[in-house]
Amino acid sequence: DLVYGGATIRRSEDQSLESRAQQNIEGKRAIGKLASELVQDAEMIFIDCGTTCFEMRHYLKAKRGLTIILNSTLLATELGENNDFSIIVLGGNYRHDRMDAIGPLAVNAIDQLRGYIAFIGVDGLDMEFGLSASDIQTAHLYQHVMKNARESILLADRTKFLAPSLYRIGDIENVSR
């Protein structure tokens, strides 16, 4: 796009779950498999609503006795079929395009929980700026998720290093793996 005094690169405006799920699918599947191997039976985990974390679903179905905290309605539907899992869905403002819940109600709910391992994806990653999200409500929720987690595990493919997103989630030092 041409702008006064120069040019800019147009970023994709489509941030829908469907659109994001098609980007670097092989990398996301490999990361999802590796991440699920870190989960033990009877573990308490938070899985974010991103497309990389969504790929964990295939491999988690073989686990037993998990307590899974989610803000993704799609992931709740997928994993809720397993009667051996306890699914906790955070309430909040529902975003149809992302099939998730965010906002003050989701933050209040996660602030009542402790002792879980958080699996977090990001929209951007920068060594100085840290972990980042493309919208402020997601960033705010994930700040609380990481603060309350026993351990935080980052799931990010190589494309996340290309440019940090606008809203900071936290420092890379706050990530365990």
Protein backbone atom coordinates (compact mmCIF):
# COMPACT_ATOMS: atom_id res chain seq x y z
CA ASP A 1 0.00 0.00 0.00
CA LEU A 2 1.18 3.50 -0.73
CA VAL A 3 1.05 5.98 2.12
CA TYR A 4 2.14 9.60 2.41
CA GLY A 5 5.93 9.56 2.55
CA GLY A 6 6.46 5.87 1.76
CA ALA A 7 4.92 2.44 1.52
CA THR A 8 3.76 -0.19 3.97
CA ILE A 9 3.30 -3.93 3.79
CA ARG A 10 -0.33 -4.94 4.09
CA ARG A 11 -0.86 -7.42 6.90
CA SER A 12 -3.55 -10.02 6.60
CA GLU A 13 -6.72 -8.71 8.21
CA ASP A 14 -8.26 -12.18 8.53
CA GLN A 15 -7.45 -13.32 12.06
CA SER A 16 -10.17 -15.98 12.11
CA LEU A 17 -9.42 -19.41 13.51
CA GLU A 18 -10.03 -20.98 10.11
CA SER A 19 -7.58 -18.65 8.36
CA ARG A 20 -4.85 -19.02 10.99
CA ALA A 21 -5.24 -22.81 11.09
CA GLN A 22 -4.10 -23.04 7.46
CA GLN A 23 -0.78 -21.28 8.06
CA ASN A 24 2.28 -23.55 8.61
CA ILE A 25 0.11 -26.55 9.46
CA GLU A 26 3.00 -29.07 9.42
CA GLY A 27 4.97 -27.07 11.96
CA LYS A 28 1.92 -26.64 14.20
CA ARG A 29 1.18 -30.37 14.15
CA ALA A 30 4.77 -31.23 15.10
CA ILE A 31 4.72 -28.70 17.94
CA GLY A 32 1.34 -29.97 19.15
CA LYS A 33 2.66 -33.54 19.29
CA LEU A 34 5.80 -32.53 21.20
CA ALA A 35 3.80 -30.41 23.64
CA SER A 36 1.33 -33.22 24.36
CA GLU A 37 4.25 -35.49 25.27
CA LEU A 38 4.94 -33.15 28.20
CA VAL A 39 1.49 -33.89 29.66
CA GLN A 40 1.19 -36.71 32.19
CA ASP A 41 -1.99 -38.58 33.09
CA ALA A 42 -4.05 -36.81 35.80
CA GLU A 43 -2.33 -33.46 35.03
CA MET A 44 -4.06 -30.07 35.31
CA ILE A 45 -3.38 -27.98 32.20
CA PHE A 46 -4.48 -24.77 30.51
CA ILE A 47 -4.51 -24.81 26.72
CA ASP A 48 -4.91 -21.51 24.92
CA CYS A 49 -7.27 -20.98 22.00
CA GLY A 50 -4.59 -20.66 19.31
CA THR A 51 -4.18 -22.92 16.33
CA THR A 52 -0.82 -24.34 17.42
CA CYS A 53 -2.18 -25.38 20.82
CA PHE A 54 -5.27 -26.75 19.06
CA GLU A 55 -3.04 -29.36 17.41
CA MET A 56 -2.42 -30.93 20.85
CA ARG A 57 -5.96 -32.34 20.78
CA HIS A 58 -5.07 -35.38 18.66
CA TYR A 59 -2.48 -36.60 21.13
CA LEU A 60 -4.18 -35.65 24.39
CA LYS A 61 -7.06 -38.01 23.69
CA ALA A 62 -4.80 -40.93 24.72
CA LYS A 63 -4.21 -39.39 28.17
CA ARG A 64 -6.25 -40.27 31.27
CA GLY A 65 -7.74 -38.18 34.04
CA LEU A 66 -6.78 -34.74 32.74
CA THR A 67 -8.26 -31.52 34.06
CA ILE A 68 -8.18 -29.12 31.12
CA ILE A 69 -8.82 -25.39 31.44
CA LEU A 70 -9.84 -23.71 28.18
CA ASN A 71 -11.15 -20.51 26.70
CA SER A 72 -11.69 -22.20 23.30
CA THR A 73 -15.21 -23.45 22.69
CA LEU A 74 -14.00 -25.50 19.72
CA LEU A 75 -11.35 -27.26 21.80
CA ALA A 76 -13.87 -27.83 24.60
CA THR A 77 -16.14 -29.58 22.10
CA GLU A 78 -13.27 -31.70 20.73
CA LEU A 79 -11.85 -32.75 24.10
CA GLY A 80 -15.19 -32.88 25.91
CA GLU A 81 -16.02 -36.11 24.07
CA ASN A 82 -13.58 -37.88 26.42
CA ASN A 83 -15.59 -38.72 29.56
CA ASP A 84 -12.35 -39.22 31.48
CA PHE A 85 -11.45 -35.51 31.21
CA SER A 86 -12.64 -32.73 33.46
CA ILE A 87 -13.12 -29.67 31.23
CA ILE A 88 -13.22 -26.17 32.72
CA VAL A 89 -14.32 -23.54 30.20
CA LEU A 90 -13.58 -19.93 31.11
CA GLY A 91 -16.56 -17.66 30.59
CA GLY A 92 -16.46 -14.26 29.01
CA ASN A 93 -17.16 -12.40 25.80
CA TYR A 94 -17.54 -14.90 22.98
CA ARG A 95 -15.73 -14.16 19.70
CA HIS A 96 -17.32 -16.17 16.91
CA ASP A 97 -14.43 -15.73 14.45
CA ARG A 98 -11.95 -17.17 16.98
CA MET A 99 -14.38 -19.44 18.83
CA ASP A 100 -13.07 -18.30 22.20
CA ALA A 101 -14.07 -16.39 25.33
CA ILE A 102 -12.11 -13.39 26.62
CA GLY A 103 -12.58 -10.31 28.75
CA PRO A 104 -13.01 -9.56 32.47
CA LEU A 105 -15.10 -12.66 33.20
CA ALA A 106 -12.43 -14.95 31.73
CA VAL A 107 -9.70 -13.12 33.69
CA ASN A 108 -11.73 -13.38 36.92
CA ALA A 109 -12.21 -17.11 36.34
CA ILE A 110 -8.52 -17.85 35.70
CA ASP A 111 -7.59 -15.84 38.78
CA GLN A 112 -9.48 -18.44 40.86
CA LEU A 113 -7.27 -21.28 39.60
CA ARG A 114 -3.70 -22.39 40.42
CA GLY A 115 -1.43 -25.39 40.05
CA TYR A 116 -1.84 -25.97 36.32
CA ILE A 117 0.67 -26.08 33.49
CA ALA A 118 -0.13 -23.45 30.85
CA PHE A 119 0.37 -24.15 27.15
CA ILE A 120 0.48 -20.74 25.49
CA GLY A 121 0.72 -19.72 21.85
CA VAL A 122 1.54 -16.21 20.73
CA ASP A 123 0.99 -13.99 17.71
CA GLY A 124 4.49 -12.54 17.94
CA LEU A 125 7.78 -13.20 19.65
CA ASP A 126 10.72 -10.88 20.12
CA MET A 127 13.74 -11.35 22.37
CA GLU A 128 13.44 -7.81 23.78
CA PHE A 129 9.65 -7.20 23.69
CA GLY A 130 8.82 -10.76 24.68
CA LEU A 131 5.59 -12.62 23.99
CA SER A 132 2.84 -10.67 22.26
CA ALA A 133 -0.73 -10.93 21.02
CA SER A 134 -2.59 -9.14 18.24
CA ASP A 135 -5.38 -7.93 20.56
CA ILE A 136 -5.34 -6.43 24.02
CA GLN A 137 -7.95 -8.73 25.58
CA THR A 138 -6.07 -11.89 24.67
CA ALA A 139 -2.81 -10.39 25.96
CA HIS A 140 -4.47 -9.44 29.24
CA LEU A 141 -5.97 -12.89 29.76
CA TYR A 142 -2.69 -14.67 29.00
CA GLN A 143 -0.82 -12.39 31.42
CA HIS A 144 -3.07 -13.76 34.15
CA VAL A 145 -2.83 -17.34 32.86
CA MET A 146 0.97 -17.20 33.06
CA LYS A 147 0.99 -15.45 36.44
CA ASN A 148 -1.22 -18.16 37.99
CA ALA A 149 0.39 -21.18 36.30
CA ARG A 150 2.82 -23.52 37.99
CA GLU A 151 4.72 -23.64 34.70
CA SER A 152 4.27 -21.96 31.29
CA ILE A 153 5.19 -23.69 28.06
CA LEU A 154 5.39 -21.67 24.86
CA LEU A 155 4.15 -23.19 21.60
CA ALA A 156 5.36 -21.08 18.67
CA ASP A 157 6.48 -21.85 15.14
CA ARG A 158 9.19 -19.95 13.27
CA THR A 159 6.72 -17.44 11.77
CA LYS A 160 6.19 -15.85 15.20
CA PHE A 161 9.76 -14.51 15.17
CA LEU A 162 9.13 -12.43 12.06
CA ALA A 163 7.42 -9.55 13.86
CA PRO A 164 6.17 -8.90 17.37
CA SER A 165 2.47 -8.15 17.74
CA LEU A 166 1.23 -4.94 19.29
CA TYR A 167 0.20 -6.10 22.78
CA ARG A 168 2.75 -7.49 25.21
CA ILE A 169 1.92 -10.64 27.18
CA GLY A 170 5.17 -11.01 29.10
CA ASP A 171 8.88 -11.74 29.16
CA ILE A 172 10.42 -14.79 27.54
CA GLU A 173 12.06 -15.44 30.93
CA ASN A 174 8.59 -16.29 32.31
CA VAL A 175 8.41 -19.31 29.99
CA SER A 176 9.66 -22.64 31.36
CA ARG A 177 10.03 -24.36 28.01
